Amino acid sequence: MSQQLPQNSLDKPQFEELFKSHFAYLCNFAKQFVFDEEVAQDIVQKVFISLWEKREEIDPTLSIKSYLFTSVRNKCLNHIRDEKKYRSQVLDLDHADFEIAVEEDHFGEEELKQKIEAALASLPAKCREVFEMSRFRQMKYKEIAEELELSQKTVEAHMSKAMKILREQLGPYFWLLLLMIKNV
């Protein structure tokens, strides 16, 4: 069912019906990217606000469903990019504090190293190899794919799986692992 915009433009009752019929689906779609219910709802609401504001400019021959899903995906990717920039800036600011804390607590540092080593050891062999090539040897996915004779998509899948497993096993220490690797 390829729902299209009305020829003239979207009126208020049509817009409300569109919102009611697509909001939940779009939120579930957004959650696949941002993993947070409130952020997903906020993104979807912004997409609908934008649609309402631009209703006169949008080509009525376009599929509204396709337009909405594409807009939500793009806003999610923008959110992830912006969040990554923010986290990077915060980590850079907090880095000096982290170095001082580690120097004062050698036992904590050793314990953290053991947790990281155990988490890395728990990765499937190929995931671990791809992760180490990417993070420790600073290789690009394309270079890893060529060296291991894999497709770049397979390398991306291994890296994604490795990051997911490490995030689950290390919990709050995951970001410390990435910070430590960045400075190796």
Foldseek 3Di string as FASTA:
>chain_A
DQDFADPQWDDDVNLVVVCVVCQVVQLVLLCVQVVDSVVSNVLLVVLSVVCVVCRRPDDRVHRVVVSSNVSSVVSSVVVVVVVVVVVVVVCVVCVVVVVVVCVVCVVVVVVLVVLQVVLLVPQPPVLSVLCCCCQQVVDDLVVVCVVVVHDSVVSVVSPVVSLVSLCVSVPVCSVVVSVVSVVD
